[in-house]
Each structure stands twice: as C-alpha cells, then as structure tokens.
C-alpha atoms as a PDB file:
ATOM      1  CA  UNK A   1    -114.408   6.345-103.217  1.00  0.00           C
ATOM      2  CA  UNK A   2    -111.630   8.519-102.054  1.00  0.00           C
ATOM      3  CA  UNK A   3    -108.204   8.374-103.827  1.00  0.00           C
ATOM      4  CA  UNK A   4    -105.686   6.271-102.073  1.00  0.00           C
ATOM      5  CA  UNK A   5    -102.971   8.361-100.583  1.00  0.00           C
ATOM      6  CA  UNK A   6     -99.256   7.836-101.358  1.00  0.00           C
ATOM      7  CA  UNK A   7     -96.868   7.065 -98.298  1.00  0.00           C
ATOM      8  CA  UNK A   8     -95.573  10.504 -98.625  1.00  0.00           C
ATOM      9  CA  UNK A   9     -99.031  12.226 -98.680  1.00  0.00           C
ATOM     10  CA  UNK A  10    -100.169  10.124 -95.628  1.00  0.00           C
ATOM     11  CA  UNK A  11     -96.990  11.132 -93.622  1.00  0.00           C
ATOM     12  CA  UNK A  12     -97.504  14.838 -94.477  1.00  0.00           C
ATOM     13  CA  UNK A  13    -101.052  14.768 -93.536  1.00  0.00           C
ATOM     14  CA  UNK A  14    -100.427  12.968 -90.260  1.00  0.00           C
ATOM     15  CA  UNK A  15     -97.767  15.445 -89.381  1.00  0.00           C
ATOM     16  CA  UNK A  16     -99.953  18.398 -90.098  1.00  0.00           C
ATOM     17  CA  UNK A  17    -102.917  17.224 -88.213  1.00  0.00           C
ATOM     18  CA  UNK A  18    -101.061  16.024 -85.226  1.00  0.00           C
ATOM     19  CA  UNK A  19     -99.244  19.321 -85.014  1.00  0.00           C
ATOM     20  CA  UNK A  20    -102.358  21.570 -85.806  1.00  0.00           C
ATOM     21  CA  UNK A  21    -105.132  19.559 -84.240  1.00  0.00           C
ATOM     22  CA  UNK A  22    -103.571  17.737 -81.196  1.00  0.00           C
ATOM     23  CA  UNK A  23    -100.487  19.837 -80.302  1.00  0.00           C
ATOM     24  CA  UNK A  24    -101.903  23.331 -81.076  1.00  0.00           C
ATOM     25  CA  UNK A  25    -105.304  22.395 -80.271  1.00  0.00           C
ATOM     26  CA  UNK A  26    -106.769  24.166 -83.341  1.00  0.00           C
ATOM     27  CA  UNK A  27    -110.289  23.663 -84.413  1.00  0.00           C
ATOM     28  CA  UNK A  28    -111.314  21.979 -87.670  1.00  0.00           C
ATOM     29  CA  UNK A  29    -112.514  25.463 -88.816  1.00  0.00           C
ATOM     30  CA  UNK A  30    -109.182  26.883 -87.890  1.00  0.00           C
ATOM     31  CA  UNK A  31    -107.075  24.236 -89.744  1.00  0.00           C
ATOM     32  CA  UNK A  32    -109.238  24.615 -92.761  1.00  0.00           C
ATOM     33  CA  UNK A  33    -108.514  28.262 -92.864  1.00  0.00           C
ATOM     34  CA  UNK A  34    -104.792  27.541 -92.312  1.00  0.00           C
ATOM     35  CA  UNK A  35    -104.508  25.036 -95.048  1.00  0.00           C
ATOM     36  CA  UNK A  36    -106.902  26.698 -97.375  1.00  0.00           C
ATOM     37  CA  UNK A  37    -109.040  23.633 -97.730  1.00  0.00           C
ATOM     38  CA  UNK A  38    -112.660  22.794 -96.663  1.00  0.00           C
ATOM     39  CA  UNK A  39    -113.674  21.922 -93.176  1.00  0.00           C
ATOM     40  CA  UNK A  40    -115.034  18.717 -94.480  1.00  0.00           C
ATOM     41  CA  UNK A  41    -111.677  17.806 -95.958  1.00  0.00           C
ATOM     42  CA  UNK A  42    -110.160  18.390 -92.677  1.00  0.00           C
ATOM     43  CA  UNK A  43    -112.531  16.050 -90.885  1.00  0.00           C
ATOM     44  CA  UNK A  44    -112.256  13.349 -93.537  1.00  0.00           C
ATOM     45  CA  UNK A  45    -108.540  13.473 -93.114  1.00  0.00           C
ATOM     46  CA  UNK A  46    -108.777  13.101 -89.320  1.00  0.00           C
ATOM     47  CA  UNK A  47    -110.998  10.245 -89.915  1.00  0.00           C
ATOM     48  CA  UNK A  48    -108.805   8.331 -92.447  1.00  0.00           C
ATOM     49  CA  UNK A  49    -105.822   8.863 -90.134  1.00  0.00           C
ATOM     50  CA  UNK A  50    -107.748   7.508 -87.172  1.00  0.00           C
ATOM     51  CA  UNK A  51    -107.055  10.769 -85.327  1.00  0.00           C
ATOM     52  CA  UNK A  52    -109.911  11.013 -82.748  1.00  0.00           C
ATOM     53  CA  UNK A  53    -111.809  14.086 -82.979  1.00  0.00           C
ATOM     54  CA  UNK A  54    -112.055  15.808 -79.561  1.00  0.00           C
ATOM     55  CA  UNK A  55    -114.218  18.836 -80.021  1.00  0.00           C
ATOM     56  CA  UNK A  56    -114.742  19.239 -76.165  1.00  0.00           C
ATOM     57  CA  UNK A  57    -111.056  20.104 -75.844  1.00  0.00           C
ATOM     58  CA  UNK A  58    -111.367  23.096 -78.055  1.00  0.00           C
ATOM     59  CA  UNK A  59    -111.875  26.477 -76.499  1.00  0.00           C
ATOM     60  CA  UNK A  60    -114.861  27.340 -78.658  1.00  0.00           C
ATOM     61  CA  UNK A  61    -116.671  23.879 -78.032  1.00  0.00           C
ATOM     62  CA  UNK A  62    -119.566  25.095 -75.814  1.00  0.00           C
ATOM     63  CA  UNK A  63    -119.664  28.614 -77.426  1.00  0.00           C
ATOM     64  CA  UNK A  64    -122.833  29.015 -79.816  1.00  0.00           C
ATOM     65  CA  UNK A  65    -122.377  30.537 -83.171  1.00  0.00           C
ATOM     66  CA  UNK A  66    -123.642  34.029 -82.901  1.00  0.00           C
ATOM     67  CA  UNK A  67    -124.574  34.084 -86.632  1.00  0.00           C
ATOM     68  CA  UNK A  68    -126.786  30.900 -86.558  1.00  0.00           C
ATOM     69  CA  UNK A  69    -130.373  30.760 -85.578  1.00  0.00           C
ATOM     70  CA  UNK A  70    -132.281  27.508 -84.777  1.00  0.00           C
ATOM     71  CA  UNK A  71    -135.876  27.101 -86.131  1.00  0.00           C
ATOM     72  CA  UNK A  72    -138.498  27.680 -83.199  1.00  0.00           C
ATOM     73  CA  UNK A  73    -141.432  26.354 -85.371  1.00  0.00           C
ATOM     74  CA  UNK A  74    -142.202  23.963 -88.172  1.00  0.00           C
ATOM     75  CA  UNK A  75    -142.433  25.404 -91.694  1.00  0.00           C
ATOM     76  CA  UNK A  76    -142.542  24.217 -95.437  1.00  0.00           C
ATOM     77  CA  UNK A  77    -138.999  25.393 -95.927  1.00  0.00           C
ATOM     78  CA  UNK A  78    -137.983  23.246 -92.943  1.00  0.00           C
ATOM     79  CA  UNK A  79    -139.816  20.410 -94.215  1.00  0.00           C
ATOM     80  CA  UNK A  80    -138.125  20.620 -97.762  1.00  0.00           C
ATOM     81  CA  UNK A  81    -134.831  20.784 -96.057  1.00  0.00           C
ATOM     82  CA  UNK A  82    -135.523  17.432 -94.130  1.00  0.00           C
ATOM     83  CA  UNK A  83    -136.402  16.076 -97.470  1.00  0.00           C
ATOM     84  CA  UNK A  84    -133.091  17.128 -98.893  1.00  0.00           C
ATOM     85  CA  UNK A  85    -131.193  15.660 -95.802  1.00  0.00           C
ATOM     86  CA  UNK A  86    -132.880  12.405 -95.995  1.00  0.00           C
ATOM     87  CA  UNK A  87    -132.149  12.166 -99.618  1.00  0.00           C
ATOM     88  CA  UNK A  88    -128.498  13.379-100.139  1.00  0.00           C
ATOM     89  CA  UNK A  89    -127.636  14.746 -96.850  1.00  0.00           C
ATOM     90  CA  UNK A  90    -125.342  13.839 -94.022  1.00  0.00           C
ATOM     91  CA  UNK A  91    -125.110  14.806 -90.303  1.00  0.00           C
ATOM     92  CA  UNK A  92    -121.770  14.419 -88.673  1.00  0.00           C
ATOM     93  CA  UNK A  93    -120.883  15.614 -85.034  1.00  0.00           C
ATOM     94  CA  UNK A  94    -119.960  19.053 -85.988  1.00  0.00           C
ATOM     95  CA  UNK A  95    -121.484  19.894 -89.594  1.00  0.00           C
ATOM     96  CA  UNK A  96    -123.952  18.982 -92.158  1.00  0.00           C
ATOM     97  CA  UNK A  97    -123.086  17.956 -95.813  1.00  0.00           C
ATOM     98  CA  UNK A  98    -125.243  17.743 -98.680  1.00  0.00           C
ATOM     99  CA  UNK A  99    -123.530  16.136-101.888  1.00  0.00           C
ATOM    100  CA  UNK A 100    -124.709  17.019-105.447  1.00  0.00           C
ATOM    101  CA  UNK A 101    -123.701  15.536-108.661  1.00  0.00           C
ATOM    102  CA  UNK A 102    -121.964  17.171-111.577  1.00  0.00           C
ATOM    103  CA  UNK A 103    -125.445  17.756-113.305  1.00  0.00           C
ATOM    104  CA  UNK A 104    -127.075  19.487-110.284  1.00  0.00           C
ATOM    105  CA  UNK A 105    -124.888  22.600-110.378  1.00  0.00           C
ATOM    106  CA  UNK A 106    -127.988  24.945-110.782  1.00  0.00           C
ATOM    107  CA  UNK A 107    -129.687  23.328-107.903  1.00  0.00           C
ATOM    108  CA  UNK A 108    -126.737  24.166-105.565  1.00  0.00           C
ATOM    109  CA  UNK A 109    -127.872  27.702-104.888  1.00  0.00           C
ATOM    110  CA  UNK A 110    -131.341  26.831-104.286  1.00  0.00           C
ATOM    111  CA  UNK A 111    -130.154  24.498-101.356  1.00  0.00           C
ATOM    112  CA  UNK A 112    -127.846  27.107-100.074  1.00  0.00           C
ATOM    113  CA  UNK A 113    -130.512  29.753 -99.934  1.00  0.00           C
ATOM    114  CA  UNK A 114    -132.978  27.338 -98.401  1.00  0.00           C
ATOM    115  CA  UNK A 115    -130.575  26.484 -95.604  1.00  0.00           C
ATOM    116  CA  UNK A 116    -129.793  30.377 -95.158  1.00  0.00           C
ATOM    117  CA  UNK A 117    -133.635  31.034 -94.791  1.00  0.00           C
ATOM    118  CA  UNK A 118    -133.832  28.434 -92.136  1.00  0.00           C
ATOM    119  CA  UNK A 119    -130.703  28.933 -90.094  1.00  0.00           C
ATOM    120  CA  UNK A 120    -129.752  32.599 -91.082  1.00  0.00           C
ATOM    121  CA  UNK A 121    -126.289  31.348 -92.431  1.00  0.00           C
ATOM    122  CA  UNK A 122    -125.303  30.817 -96.104  1.00  0.00           C
ATOM    123  CA  UNK A 123    -123.378  27.528 -96.242  1.00  0.00           C
ATOM    124  CA  UNK A 124    -120.166  26.963 -98.055  1.00  0.00           C
ATOM    125  CA  UNK A 125    -119.490  24.747-100.959  1.00  0.00           C
ATOM    126  CA  UNK A 126    -116.588  22.589-101.929  1.00  0.00           C
ATOM    127  CA  UNK A 127    -115.701  21.014-105.289  1.00  0.00           C
ATOM    128  CA  UNK A 128    -114.355  17.371-105.452  1.00  0.00           C
ATOM    129  CA  UNK A 129    -111.869  16.363-108.207  1.00  0.00           C
ATOM    130  CA  UNK A 130    -114.677  14.338-109.626  1.00  0.00           C
ATOM    131  CA  UNK A 131    -116.737  17.577-110.041  1.00  0.00           C
ATOM    132  CA  UNK A 132    -119.270  16.705-107.402  1.00  0.00           C
ATOM    133  CA  UNK A 133    -120.188  19.586-105.106  1.00  0.00           C
ATOM    134  CA  UNK A 134    -120.428  19.303-101.273  1.00  0.00           C
ATOM    135  CA  UNK A 135    -122.576  21.899 -99.479  1.00  0.00           C
ATOM    136  CA  UNK A 136    -121.668  22.162 -95.851  1.00  0.00           C
ATOM    137  CA  UNK A 137    -122.292  24.157 -92.689  1.00  0.00           C
ATOM    138  CA  UNK A 138    -120.798  23.603 -89.278  1.00  0.00           C
ATOM    139  CA  UNK A 139    -122.313  24.012 -85.927  1.00  0.00           C
ATOM    140  CA  UNK A 140    -122.525  21.278 -83.081  1.00  0.00           C
ATOM    141  CA  UNK A 141    -125.551  22.977 -81.814  1.00  0.00           C
ATOM    142  CA  UNK A 142    -127.245  22.727 -85.212  1.00  0.00           C
ATOM    143  CA  UNK A 143    -126.158  19.140 -85.552  1.00  0.00           C
ATOM    144  CA  UNK A 144    -127.517  18.180 -82.292  1.00  0.00           C
ATOM    145  CA  UNK A 145    -130.881  19.973 -82.874  1.00  0.00           C
ATOM    146  CA  UNK A 146    -131.305  18.005 -86.139  1.00  0.00           C
ATOM    147  CA  UNK A 147    -130.522  14.588 -84.258  1.00  0.00           C
ATOM    148  CA  UNK A 148    -133.008  15.621 -81.779  1.00  0.00           C
ATOM    149  CA  UNK A 149    -135.535  16.117 -84.574  1.00  0.00           C
ATOM    150  CA  UNK A 150    -135.029  12.719 -86.233  1.00  0.00           C
ATOM    151  CA  UNK A 151    -131.900  12.786 -88.238  1.00  0.00           C
ATOM    152  CA  UNK A 152    -128.978  10.603 -87.753  1.00  0.00           C
ATOM    153  CA  UNK A 153    -125.250  10.209 -88.784  1.00  0.00           C
ATOM    154  CA  UNK A 154    -125.946   6.916 -90.310  1.00  0.00           C
ATOM    155  CA  UNK A 155    -129.335   7.042 -91.817  1.00  0.00           C
ATOM    156  CA  UNK A 156    -129.119   3.372 -93.191  1.00  0.00           C
ATOM    157  CA  UNK A 157    -128.054   1.754 -89.926  1.00  0.00           C
ATOM    158  CA  UNK A 158    -130.553   3.745 -87.962  1.00  0.00           C
ATOM    159  CA  UNK A 159    -133.297   3.218 -90.415  1.00  0.00           C
ATOM    160  CA  UNK A 160    -134.421   6.783 -89.970  1.00  0.00           C
ATOM    161  CA  UNK A 161    -137.976   7.798 -90.797  1.00  0.00           C
ATOM    162  CA  UNK A 162    -139.862  11.016 -91.881  1.00  0.00           C
ATOM    163  CA  UNK A 163    -140.541  13.017 -88.811  1.00  0.00           C
ATOM    164  CA  UNK A 164    -144.057  12.995 -87.874  1.00  0.00           C
ATOM    165  CA  UNK A 165    -144.758  16.561 -87.763  1.00  0.00           C
ATOM    166  CA  UNK A 166    -144.352  16.669 -91.738  1.00  0.00           C
ATOM    167  CA  UNK A 167    -147.587  14.850 -92.064  1.00  0.00           C
ATOM    168  CA  UNK A 168    -149.533  17.613 -90.144  1.00  0.00           C
ATOM    169  CA  UNK A 169    -150.009  19.679 -93.170  1.00  0.00           C
ATOM    170  CA  UNK A 170    -150.257  19.110 -96.937  1.00  0.00           C
ATOM    171  CA  UNK A 171    -148.018  22.039 -97.560  1.00  0.00           C
ATOM    172  CA  UNK A 172    -145.254  20.335 -95.437  1.00  0.00           C
ATOM    173  CA  UNK A 173    -145.733  16.990 -97.213  1.00  0.00           C
ATOM    174  CA  UNK A 174    -145.425  18.607-100.701  1.00  0.00           C
ATOM    175  CA  UNK A 175    -142.466  20.487 -99.520  1.00  0.00           C
ATOM    176  CA  UNK A 176    -140.689  17.363 -98.102  1.00  0.00           C
ATOM    177  CA  UNK A 177    -141.593  15.427-101.312  1.00  0.00           C
ATOM    178  CA  UNK A 178    -139.928  18.262-103.306  1.00  0.00           C
ATOM    179  CA  UNK A 179    -136.637  18.208-101.263  1.00  0.00           C
ATOM    180  CA  UNK A 180    -136.624  14.330-101.243  1.00  0.00           C
ATOM    181  CA  UNK A 181    -137.257  13.946-105.005  1.00  0.00           C
ATOM    182  CA  UNK A 182    -134.874  16.729-105.920  1.00  0.00           C
ATOM    183  CA  UNK A 183    -132.087  14.814-104.259  1.00  0.00           C
ATOM    184  CA  UNK A 184    -133.141  11.031-104.295  1.00  0.00           C
ATOM    185  CA  UNK A 185    -135.707  10.878-107.162  1.00  0.00           C
ATOM    186  CA  UNK A 186    -135.705  10.346-110.827  1.00  0.00           C
ATOM    187  CA  UNK A 187    -138.134  10.574-113.627  1.00  0.00           C
ATOM    188  CA  UNK A 188    -138.230   8.079-116.561  1.00  0.00           C
ATOM    189  CA  UNK A 189    -139.947   7.487-120.024  1.00  0.00           C
ATOM    190  CA  UNK A 190    -141.838   4.432-120.247  1.00  0.00           C
ATOM    191  CA  UNK A 191    -143.223   3.080-123.423  1.00  0.00           C
ATOM    192  CA  UNK A 192    -146.666   4.268-122.786  1.00  0.00           C
ATOM    193  CA  UNK A 193    -146.117   6.971-120.439  1.00  0.00           C
ATOM    194  CA  UNK A 194    -143.801   8.440-117.638  1.00  0.00           C
ATOM    195  CA  UNK A 195    -142.582   7.034-114.174  1.00  0.00           C
ATOM    196  CA  UNK A 196    -141.256   8.888-111.133  1.00  0.00           C
ATOM    197  CA  UNK A 197    -139.263   7.023-108.619  1.00  0.00           C
ATOM    198  CA  UNK A 198    -138.105   7.596-105.215  1.00  0.00           C
ATOM    199  CA  UNK A 199    -135.047   5.702-103.847  1.00  0.00           C
ATOM    200  CA  UNK A 200    -133.716   5.164-100.356  1.00  0.00           C
ATOM    201  CA  UNK A 201    -131.933   2.332 -98.361  1.00  0.00           C
ATOM    202  CA  UNK A 202    -134.026   3.099 -95.031  1.00  0.00           C
ATOM    203  CA  UNK A 203    -137.506   1.128 -95.286  1.00  0.00           C
ATOM    204  CA  UNK A 204    -139.234   3.334 -92.872  1.00  0.00           C
ATOM    205  CA  UNK A 205    -138.763   6.309 -95.280  1.00  0.00           C
ATOM    206  CA  UNK A 206    -140.184   4.310 -98.058  1.00  0.00           C
ATOM    207  CA  UNK A 207    -143.165   3.316 -95.981  1.00  0.00           C
ATOM    208  CA  UNK A 208    -143.748   6.869 -94.949  1.00  0.00           C
ATOM    209  CA  UNK A 209    -143.343   8.031 -98.643  1.00  0.00           C
ATOM    210  CA  UNK A 210    -146.120   5.623 -99.637  1.00  0.00           C
ATOM    211  CA  UNK A 211    -148.359   6.919 -96.860  1.00  0.00           C
ATOM    212  CA  UNK A 212    -147.562  10.560 -97.625  1.00  0.00           C
ATOM    213  CA  UNK A 213    -148.422  10.111-101.370  1.00  0.00           C
ATOM    214  CA  UNK A 214    -151.530   8.295-100.702  1.00  0.00           C
ATOM    215  CA  UNK A 215    -152.645  10.923 -98.207  1.00  0.00           C
ATOM    216  CA  UNK A 216    -152.127  13.515-101.095  1.00  0.00           C
ATOM    217  CA  UNK A 217    -154.229  11.578-103.503  1.00  0.00           C
ATOM    218  CA  UNK A 218    -151.631   9.760-105.519  1.00  0.00           C
ATOM    219  CA  UNK A 219    -151.524   6.111-106.272  1.00  0.00           C
ATOM    220  CA  UNK A 220    -148.031   4.941-105.255  1.00  0.00           C
ATOM    221  CA  UNK A 221    -146.597   1.532-105.855  1.00  0.00           C
ATOM    222  CA  UNK A 222    -145.462  -1.117-103.536  1.00  0.00           C
ATOM    223  CA  UNK A 223    -141.886  -1.092-102.333  1.00  0.00           C
ATOM    224  CA  UNK A 224    -139.592  -2.735-104.767  1.00  0.00           C
ATOM    225  CA  UNK A 225    -135.715  -2.897-104.758  1.00  0.00           C
ATOM    226  CA  UNK A 226    -135.644   0.015-102.403  1.00  0.00           C
ATOM    227  CA  UNK A 227    -138.024   2.182-104.514  1.00  0.00           C
ATOM    228  CA  UNK A 228    -141.497   3.470-104.504  1.00  0.00           C
ATOM    229  CA  UNK A 229    -143.064   4.727-108.013  1.00  0.00           C
ATOM    230  CA  UNK A 230    -145.626   6.705-109.350  1.00  0.00           C
ATOM    231  CA  UNK A 231    -146.567   5.363-112.903  1.00  0.00           C
ATOM    232  CA  UNK A 232    -149.989   6.864-113.704  1.00  0.00           C
ATOM    233  CA  UNK A 233    -149.345   9.751-116.182  1.00  0.00           C
ATOM    234  CA  UNK A 234    -151.986  12.000-114.381  1.00  0.00           C
ATOM    235  CA  UNK A 235    -150.063  11.278-111.012  1.00  0.00           C
ATOM    236  CA  UNK A 236    -146.736  12.373-112.792  1.00  0.00           C
ATOM    237  CA  UNK A 237    -148.066  15.374-114.422  1.00  0.00           C
ATOM    238  CA  UNK A 238    -149.700  16.509-111.120  1.00  0.00           C
ATOM    239  CA  UNK A 239    -146.592  15.962-109.050  1.00  0.00           C
ATOM    240  CA  UNK A 240    -144.482  18.447-111.321  1.00  0.00           C
ATOM    241  CA  UNK A 241    -147.465  20.932-111.211  1.00  0.00           C
ATOM    242  CA  UNK A 242    -148.182  21.000-107.321  1.00  0.00           C
ATOM    243  CA  UNK A 243    -144.928  19.628-105.832  1.00  0.00           C
ATOM    244  CA  UNK A 244    -142.865  21.872-108.227  1.00  0.00           C
ATOM    245  CA  UNK A 245    -139.297  20.138-108.146  1.00  0.00           C
ATOM    246  CA  UNK A 246    -136.473  22.574-108.237  1.00  0.00           C
ATOM    247  CA  UNK A 247    -133.770  20.604-109.475  1.00  0.00           C
ATOM    248  CA  UNK A 248    -133.350  21.384-113.109  1.00  0.00           C
ATOM    249  CA  UNK A 249    -132.020  17.930-113.841  1.00  0.00           C
ATOM    250  CA  UNK A 250    -135.378  16.528-113.200  1.00  0.00           C
ATOM    251  CA  UNK A 251    -137.475  19.540-114.596  1.00  0.00           C
ATOM    252  CA  UNK A 252    -135.415  19.342-117.854  1.00  0.00           C
ATOM    253  CA  UNK A 253    -136.136  15.511-118.244  1.00  0.00           C
ATOM    254  CA  UNK A 254    -139.710  15.916-117.587  1.00  0.00           C
ATOM    255  CA  UNK A 255    -140.230  18.676-120.223  1.00  0.00           C
ATOM    256  CA  UNK A 256    -138.233  16.665-122.734  1.00  0.00           C
ATOM    257  CA  UNK A 257    -140.417  13.566-122.049  1.00  0.00           C
ATOM    258  CA  UNK A 258    -143.666  15.718-122.152  1.00  0.00           C
ATOM    259  CA  UNK A 259    -142.894  17.627-125.320  1.00  0.00           C
ATOM    260  CA  UNK A 260    -141.532  14.448-127.195  1.00  0.00           C
ATOM    261  CA  UNK A 261    -144.058  13.248-130.109  1.00  0.00           C
ATOM    262  CA  UNK A 262    -146.056  10.288-129.332  1.00  0.00           C
ATOM    263  CA  UNK A 263    -145.318   7.175-131.191  1.00  0.00           C
END
C-alpha cells in the first residue's frame, strides 16, 4: 500500500501536476523527465489526486513510437511474455508495468531483455522504497495491441484467460508456463516430496493452466484456494527440466530441496 501523503506533500504534488499536466499540457513522459521520477510515479500521482488523464489532448497522442515494433507473428518469447503479464503484470492506458519482489533482482534483466526482443525497446526500471522493482514501458499503441490480444487493465474483474493461440504449440505452452511460474508460482518441500503451485485470482486462467498441464502430460490437481498444484515428484523434476524457469528465486529453492538429504 502506498504511503499516505502529508497535507504539504499533497498540495505540492497537486500544484506541480496541475501546472505541468493541465496548464502546460506536458505528457507524462515529459513530466517524469522534468521531475526526475518514473513515468509510473507520475501516473500514480495523477490517479491519487483525481486528475483525469487526457492523453488525447497531448500533441504526441496519435504519433507512434518510432523505436517500438509490434509483433506480427506468435512466438515462444511472446508466449512467455504473456505468462509474465498474466502473473505479475499490469496494463494501463499508456504503459505496461511488471512488479518484482526484493528477491527477484536477477530476474529483472531476463524480463527486460525478453521485452526488448519482442518490442525492440529496452524497458526502464524504477525502485520503490520497499525495494520492489517496477519494470515499465510506455506506448498507447502497444497497450492497445495487448488488450486486443487478451490482456486487460483489471485482470481479476475481467476474469481474463490464457489466449487460445498459446495452446497451438507445445513450445508456446512451455514458454507460457515458464513466464507464469516465474512470476506467480512457487515450489515447496513436502514431507515426502516436492510441490509446485500456480496462483491466480482469475479462475479462467486456473482452468486453462489445468488444461495446458494435462495436454503436456502432467497430472495437475483440482483448483483449490485460487491455486493449481503439481505434487508428483516426477512432474516437478520434469517441469524444471523441460520448462526451465528463469527466476533464480525458484531455481535456488528447487536445487536446495533436491540436494537435501532424505530423512
């Protein structure tokens, strides 16, 4: 939860943004550069102050970013990116944001380079006071494209699902599972084995995860408390061998559990 502002802070932020965003008609990107803060921070302040965003009034609204390229074909990298976005990602009107925890610092560059491979632009990173990292990239054209391909601003309210094209190939499904598990999954030590869990508040996603895992030959559990599990040791080992998670937070835990002495 965001820290509560003091009255002095709120008045200062309101005065700054009314001047820059409303009267001077600066874009969020331009304001971020002027104030030396992240674009996401500017957007959050506008929302908290109930200053309505009006991108259509900005001179650059309908101009396409010359450095960004939208995908023209489905690929395994794009499937992994959708897994990341349906895990810890958010799509607003003008940008995407992926929030990663304090134990996922090494995973940040993997996600940034994945996005660069897909859209030809390296996203930026901002660090919260809590230590959490936000990976973000702004483009109205990109966010609209993503929404047209199944993403939504509010994943829970929209009860989004896994795009159907991801089920077309085994490589797509494995890549999606990698991105989703890296951001919204966990691996646990059980008394007599290991367990993998996938967590999400959108039931259609959980149903699709069950179907995807079954098509790949795994034995997923029923949906329970917004989770789907893999509990067979053979499934867990195969998952880490074939899906190959990239988040070292998970791979370190898995290796620790596998290497631990029995008994």
